């Protein structure tokens, strides 16, 4: 609590001004209580993870619908879609490798490539977002419809295959 100290020894009838003294102990206690409360009740960001499905050692099942990225040692990325078909396969055209261009003037990057593969899903979600911003649906309905669209849409399996070779010849 605050206290006012009185000085009764005064000369010649003059009244000295009282100097207030504040006890800061309760304020420090309150600050530590608030700090403890906020630290204990705060929720921290949950880590966002991605699930990986690793093939078994005995039988690496080929993916018929998917994209395989070949990561070369010299920082180049090649990809092919579907199952790998070699030139000796009967009645099947040979798989063609394409390279992703990461240069400054290159039009394709991994992000743009994957966005292009899911373009229809993105346009559907954008149209739902327009309906939500025009107040034609509420937040809960928007989230439910987005989750339904994502569930209906078949996810594209992606394989990453690093190679120790310096470059892949196309």
C-alpha atoms as a PDB file:
ATOM      1  CA  UNK A   1       0.000   0.000   0.000  1.00  0.00           C
ATOM      2  CA  UNK A   2       1.043   3.560  -0.390  1.00  0.00           C
ATOM      3  CA  UNK A   3       2.123   5.437   2.646  1.00  0.00           C
ATOM      4  CA  UNK A   4       2.520   9.093   3.301  1.00  0.00           C
ATOM      5  CA  UNK A   5       5.361   9.910   5.620  1.00  0.00           C
ATOM      6  CA  UNK A   6       4.776  12.831   7.913  1.00  0.00           C
ATOM      7  CA  UNK A   7       7.653  14.866   9.172  1.00  0.00           C
ATOM      8  CA  UNK A   8       6.693  16.552  12.449  1.00  0.00           C
ATOM      9  CA  UNK A   9       9.992  18.353  12.999  1.00  0.00           C
ATOM     10  CA  UNK A  10       9.469  21.669  11.345  1.00  0.00           C
ATOM     11  CA  UNK A  11      11.339  24.906  11.973  1.00  0.00           C
ATOM     12  CA  UNK A  12       9.741  28.296  12.278  1.00  0.00           C
ATOM     13  CA  UNK A  13       6.239  27.034  11.757  1.00  0.00           C
ATOM     14  CA  UNK A  14       6.784  26.022   8.169  1.00  0.00           C
ATOM     15  CA  UNK A  15       4.951  22.970   6.947  1.00  0.00           C
ATOM     16  CA  UNK A  16       7.072  20.595   4.944  1.00  0.00           C
ATOM     17  CA  UNK A  17       5.567  18.962   1.910  1.00  0.00           C
ATOM     18  CA  UNK A  18       4.908  15.304   2.333  1.00  0.00           C
ATOM     19  CA  UNK A  19       6.740  12.989  -0.064  1.00  0.00           C
ATOM     20  CA  UNK A  20       4.610   9.972  -1.041  1.00  0.00           C
ATOM     21  CA  UNK A  21       6.173   6.530  -0.984  1.00  0.00           C
ATOM     22  CA  UNK A  22       4.662   3.739  -3.078  1.00  0.00           C
ATOM     23  CA  UNK A  23       5.058   0.104  -2.163  1.00  0.00           C
ATOM     24  CA  UNK A  24       5.549  -1.731  -5.501  1.00  0.00           C
ATOM     25  CA  UNK A  25       5.360  -5.275  -4.103  1.00  0.00           C
ATOM     26  CA  UNK A  26       1.659  -5.882  -4.931  1.00  0.00           C
ATOM     27  CA  UNK A  27       2.152  -4.592  -8.492  1.00  0.00           C
ATOM     28  CA  UNK A  28       5.101  -6.939  -9.053  1.00  0.00           C
ATOM     29  CA  UNK A  29       3.061  -9.827  -7.655  1.00  0.00           C
ATOM     30  CA  UNK A  30       0.215  -9.014 -10.021  1.00  0.00           C
ATOM     31  CA  UNK A  31       2.593  -8.815 -12.999  1.00  0.00           C
ATOM     32  CA  UNK A  32       4.026 -12.263 -12.242  1.00  0.00           C
ATOM     33  CA  UNK A  33       0.539 -13.719 -11.747  1.00  0.00           C
ATOM     34  CA  UNK A  34      -0.570 -12.364 -15.132  1.00  0.00           C
ATOM     35  CA  UNK A  35       2.594 -13.592 -16.817  1.00  0.00           C
ATOM     36  CA  UNK A  36       2.122 -17.068 -15.321  1.00  0.00           C
ATOM     37  CA  UNK A  37      -1.539 -17.113 -16.348  1.00  0.00           C
ATOM     38  CA  UNK A  38      -0.828 -16.189 -19.985  1.00  0.00           C
ATOM     39  CA  UNK A  39       2.057 -18.636 -20.311  1.00  0.00           C
ATOM     40  CA  UNK A  40      -0.005 -21.522 -18.950  1.00  0.00           C
ATOM     41  CA  UNK A  41      -3.160 -20.770 -20.939  1.00  0.00           C
ATOM     42  CA  UNK A  42      -1.565 -19.916 -24.302  1.00  0.00           C
ATOM     43  CA  UNK A  43      -1.985 -22.351 -27.160  1.00  0.00           C
ATOM     44  CA  UNK A  44       1.039 -22.735 -29.346  1.00  0.00           C
ATOM     45  CA  UNK A  45       0.990 -23.398 -33.070  1.00  0.00           C
ATOM     46  CA  UNK A  46       0.570 -27.045 -33.881  1.00  0.00           C
ATOM     47  CA  UNK A  47       3.104 -28.376 -36.345  1.00  0.00           C
ATOM     48  CA  UNK A  48       1.695 -29.109 -39.767  1.00  0.00           C
ATOM     49  CA  UNK A  49       2.820 -32.453 -41.051  1.00  0.00           C
ATOM     50  CA  UNK A  50       2.579 -34.324 -44.291  1.00  0.00           C
ATOM     51  CA  UNK A  51       2.020 -38.046 -44.428  1.00  0.00           C
ATOM     52  CA  UNK A  52       4.511 -40.143 -46.339  1.00  0.00           C
ATOM     53  CA  UNK A  53       3.721 -43.627 -47.579  1.00  0.00           C
ATOM     54  CA  UNK A  54       6.924 -45.583 -48.059  1.00  0.00           C
ATOM     55  CA  UNK A  55       6.845 -48.701 -50.245  1.00  0.00           C
ATOM     56  CA  UNK A  56       7.753 -52.011 -48.692  1.00  0.00           C
ATOM     57  CA  UNK A  57      11.225 -53.332 -49.462  1.00  0.00           C
ATOM     58  CA  UNK A  58      10.030 -56.486 -51.215  1.00  0.00           C
ATOM     59  CA  UNK A  59       7.525 -55.090 -53.653  1.00  0.00           C
ATOM     60  CA  UNK A  60       7.619 -51.440 -54.642  1.00  0.00           C
ATOM     61  CA  UNK A  61       4.185 -51.206 -56.265  1.00  0.00           C
ATOM     62  CA  UNK A  62       4.169 -48.940 -59.329  1.00  0.00           C
ATOM     63  CA  UNK A  63       1.815 -45.999 -59.265  1.00  0.00           C
ATOM     64  CA  UNK A  64      -0.417 -45.943 -62.308  1.00  0.00           C
ATOM     65  CA  UNK A  65      -1.757 -42.434 -61.684  1.00  0.00           C
ATOM     66  CA  UNK A  66       0.809 -40.164 -60.180  1.00  0.00           C
ATOM     67  CA  UNK A  67       3.846 -38.038 -60.758  1.00  0.00           C
ATOM     68  CA  UNK A  68       7.402 -39.205 -60.182  1.00  0.00           C
ATOM     69  CA  UNK A  69      10.073 -36.574 -59.639  1.00  0.00           C
ATOM     70  CA  UNK A  70      13.679 -37.544 -60.300  1.00  0.00           C
ATOM     71  CA  UNK A  71      16.078 -35.352 -58.348  1.00  0.00           C
ATOM     72  CA  UNK A  72      19.533 -35.309 -59.906  1.00  0.00           C
ATOM     73  CA  UNK A  73      22.793 -34.572 -58.163  1.00  0.00           C
ATOM     74  CA  UNK A  74      23.336 -31.325 -60.071  1.00  0.00           C
ATOM     75  CA  UNK A  75      20.084 -29.753 -58.768  1.00  0.00           C
ATOM     76  CA  UNK A  76      17.932 -30.533 -61.776  1.00  0.00           C
ATOM     77  CA  UNK A  77      14.435 -32.001 -61.449  1.00  0.00           C
ATOM     78  CA  UNK A  78      12.865 -34.272 -64.040  1.00  0.00           C
ATOM     79  CA  UNK A  79       9.409 -35.781 -63.885  1.00  0.00           C
ATOM     80  CA  UNK A  80       7.151 -38.225 -65.631  1.00  0.00           C
ATOM     81  CA  UNK A  81       3.494 -38.997 -65.126  1.00  0.00           C
ATOM     82  CA  UNK A  82       2.032 -42.434 -64.606  1.00  0.00           C
ATOM     83  CA  UNK A  83       3.954 -45.680 -64.731  1.00  0.00           C
ATOM     84  CA  UNK A  84       7.503 -45.887 -66.082  1.00  0.00           C
ATOM     85  CA  UNK A  85       7.420 -47.556 -69.496  1.00  0.00           C
ATOM     86  CA  UNK A  86      10.697 -48.554 -71.058  1.00  0.00           C
ATOM     87  CA  UNK A  87      11.286 -48.777 -74.805  1.00  0.00           C
ATOM     88  CA  UNK A  88      11.143 -52.598 -74.772  1.00  0.00           C
ATOM     89  CA  UNK A  89       7.535 -52.760 -73.521  1.00  0.00           C
ATOM     90  CA  UNK A  90       4.993 -54.200 -75.912  1.00  0.00           C
ATOM     91  CA  UNK A  91       2.189 -51.894 -77.156  1.00  0.00           C
ATOM     92  CA  UNK A  92       3.150 -49.148 -74.721  1.00  0.00           C
ATOM     93  CA  UNK A  93       4.757 -45.876 -75.724  1.00  0.00           C
ATOM     94  CA  UNK A  94       7.997 -44.986 -74.021  1.00  0.00           C
ATOM     95  CA  UNK A  95       7.774 -42.686 -71.018  1.00  0.00           C
ATOM     96  CA  UNK A  96       9.005 -39.206 -71.761  1.00  0.00           C
ATOM     97  CA  UNK A  97      10.908 -37.247 -69.153  1.00  0.00           C
ATOM     98  CA  UNK A  98      10.270 -33.548 -68.750  1.00  0.00           C
ATOM     99  CA  UNK A  99      12.405 -31.104 -66.842  1.00  0.00           C
ATOM    100  CA  UNK A 100      11.170 -28.436 -64.468  1.00  0.00           C
ATOM    101  CA  UNK A 101      12.855 -25.130 -65.163  1.00  0.00           C
ATOM    102  CA  UNK A 102      13.920 -23.204 -62.060  1.00  0.00           C
ATOM    103  CA  UNK A 103      15.797 -20.408 -63.782  1.00  0.00           C
ATOM    104  CA  UNK A 104      14.674 -16.800 -63.358  1.00  0.00           C
ATOM    105  CA  UNK A 105      13.236 -16.690 -66.866  1.00  0.00           C
ATOM    106  CA  UNK A 106      11.760 -20.186 -66.640  1.00  0.00           C
ATOM    107  CA  UNK A 107       7.984 -20.361 -66.694  1.00  0.00           C
ATOM    108  CA  UNK A 108       7.633 -23.555 -64.686  1.00  0.00           C
ATOM    109  CA  UNK A 109       8.501 -24.290 -61.133  1.00  0.00           C
ATOM    110  CA  UNK A 110       7.424 -27.101 -58.863  1.00  0.00           C
ATOM    111  CA  UNK A 111       4.817 -24.927 -57.153  1.00  0.00           C
ATOM    112  CA  UNK A 112       3.237 -23.767 -60.406  1.00  0.00           C
ATOM    113  CA  UNK A 113       3.379 -27.283 -61.795  1.00  0.00           C
ATOM    114  CA  UNK A 114       1.461 -28.753 -58.839  1.00  0.00           C
ATOM    115  CA  UNK A 115      -1.027 -25.857 -58.905  1.00  0.00           C
ATOM    116  CA  UNK A 116      -1.678 -26.554 -62.565  1.00  0.00           C
ATOM    117  CA  UNK A 117      -2.373 -30.221 -61.777  1.00  0.00           C
ATOM    118  CA  UNK A 118      -5.032 -29.196 -59.222  1.00  0.00           C
ATOM    119  CA  UNK A 119      -6.400 -26.256 -61.202  1.00  0.00           C
ATOM    120  CA  UNK A 120     -10.019 -27.464 -61.222  1.00  0.00           C
ATOM    121  CA  UNK A 121     -10.038 -27.852 -57.439  1.00  0.00           C
ATOM    122  CA  UNK A 122      -8.607 -24.347 -56.982  1.00  0.00           C
ATOM    123  CA  UNK A 123     -11.254 -22.806 -59.270  1.00  0.00           C
ATOM    124  CA  UNK A 124     -14.021 -24.563 -57.317  1.00  0.00           C
ATOM    125  CA  UNK A 125     -12.624 -23.299 -54.007  1.00  0.00           C
ATOM    126  CA  UNK A 126     -12.280 -19.767 -55.412  1.00  0.00           C
ATOM    127  CA  UNK A 127     -15.928 -19.785 -56.498  1.00  0.00           C
ATOM    128  CA  UNK A 128     -16.945 -20.911 -53.000  1.00  0.00           C
ATOM    129  CA  UNK A 129     -14.835 -18.103 -51.540  1.00  0.00           C
ATOM    130  CA  UNK A 130     -16.624 -15.568 -53.742  1.00  0.00           C
ATOM    131  CA  UNK A 131     -19.990 -16.850 -52.457  1.00  0.00           C
ATOM    132  CA  UNK A 132     -18.716 -16.544 -48.894  1.00  0.00           C
ATOM    133  CA  UNK A 133     -17.449 -12.988 -49.348  1.00  0.00           C
ATOM    134  CA  UNK A 134     -20.804 -12.009 -50.911  1.00  0.00           C
ATOM    135  CA  UNK A 135     -22.458 -13.300 -47.730  1.00  0.00           C
ATOM    136  CA  UNK A 136     -24.294 -16.052 -49.585  1.00  0.00           C
ATOM    137  CA  UNK A 137     -22.972 -18.641 -47.106  1.00  0.00           C
ATOM    138  CA  UNK A 138     -21.515 -18.608 -43.624  1.00  0.00           C
ATOM    139  CA  UNK A 139     -18.023 -19.638 -42.524  1.00  0.00           C
ATOM    140  CA  UNK A 140     -19.054 -23.076 -41.293  1.00  0.00           C
ATOM    141  CA  UNK A 141     -20.839 -23.951 -44.541  1.00  0.00           C
ATOM    142  CA  UNK A 142     -17.822 -22.718 -46.534  1.00  0.00           C
ATOM    143  CA  UNK A 143     -15.410 -24.929 -44.567  1.00  0.00           C
ATOM    144  CA  UNK A 144     -17.711 -27.947 -44.931  1.00  0.00           C
ATOM    145  CA  UNK A 145     -17.994 -27.520 -48.712  1.00  0.00           C
ATOM    146  CA  UNK A 146     -14.228 -27.022 -49.126  1.00  0.00           C
ATOM    147  CA  UNK A 147     -13.515 -30.201 -47.152  1.00  0.00           C
ATOM    148  CA  UNK A 148     -16.085 -32.067 -49.259  1.00  0.00           C
ATOM    149  CA  UNK A 149     -14.480 -30.838 -52.497  1.00  0.00           C
ATOM    150  CA  UNK A 150     -11.045 -31.871 -51.274  1.00  0.00           C
ATOM    151  CA  UNK A 151     -12.322 -35.289 -50.223  1.00  0.00           C
ATOM    152  CA  UNK A 152     -14.021 -35.909 -53.574  1.00  0.00           C
ATOM    153  CA  UNK A 153     -10.943 -34.809 -55.509  1.00  0.00           C
ATOM    154  CA  UNK A 154      -8.507 -37.662 -55.887  1.00  0.00           C
ATOM    155  CA  UNK A 155      -5.140 -36.642 -54.539  1.00  0.00           C
ATOM    156  CA  UNK A 156      -2.246 -37.085 -56.908  1.00  0.00           C
ATOM    157  CA  UNK A 157       0.387 -39.434 -55.485  1.00  0.00           C
ATOM    158  CA  UNK A 158       3.885 -37.979 -55.742  1.00  0.00           C
ATOM    159  CA  UNK A 159       7.079 -40.026 -55.732  1.00  0.00           C
ATOM    160  CA  UNK A 160      10.477 -38.455 -55.100  1.00  0.00           C
ATOM    161  CA  UNK A 161      13.424 -40.430 -56.387  1.00  0.00           C
ATOM    162  CA  UNK A 162      16.842 -38.912 -55.723  1.00  0.00           C
ATOM    163  CA  UNK A 163      19.630 -40.077 -57.996  1.00  0.00           C
ATOM    164  CA  UNK A 164      23.375 -39.994 -57.481  1.00  0.00           C
ATOM    165  CA  UNK A 165      24.048 -39.489 -61.169  1.00  0.00           C
ATOM    166  CA  UNK A 166      25.179 -36.020 -62.171  1.00  0.00           C
ATOM    167  CA  UNK A 167      22.575 -35.612 -64.919  1.00  0.00           C
ATOM    168  CA  UNK A 168      19.787 -37.516 -66.607  1.00  0.00           C
ATOM    169  CA  UNK A 169      20.022 -37.701 -70.372  1.00  0.00           C
ATOM    170  CA  UNK A 170      16.804 -36.977 -72.172  1.00  0.00           C
END
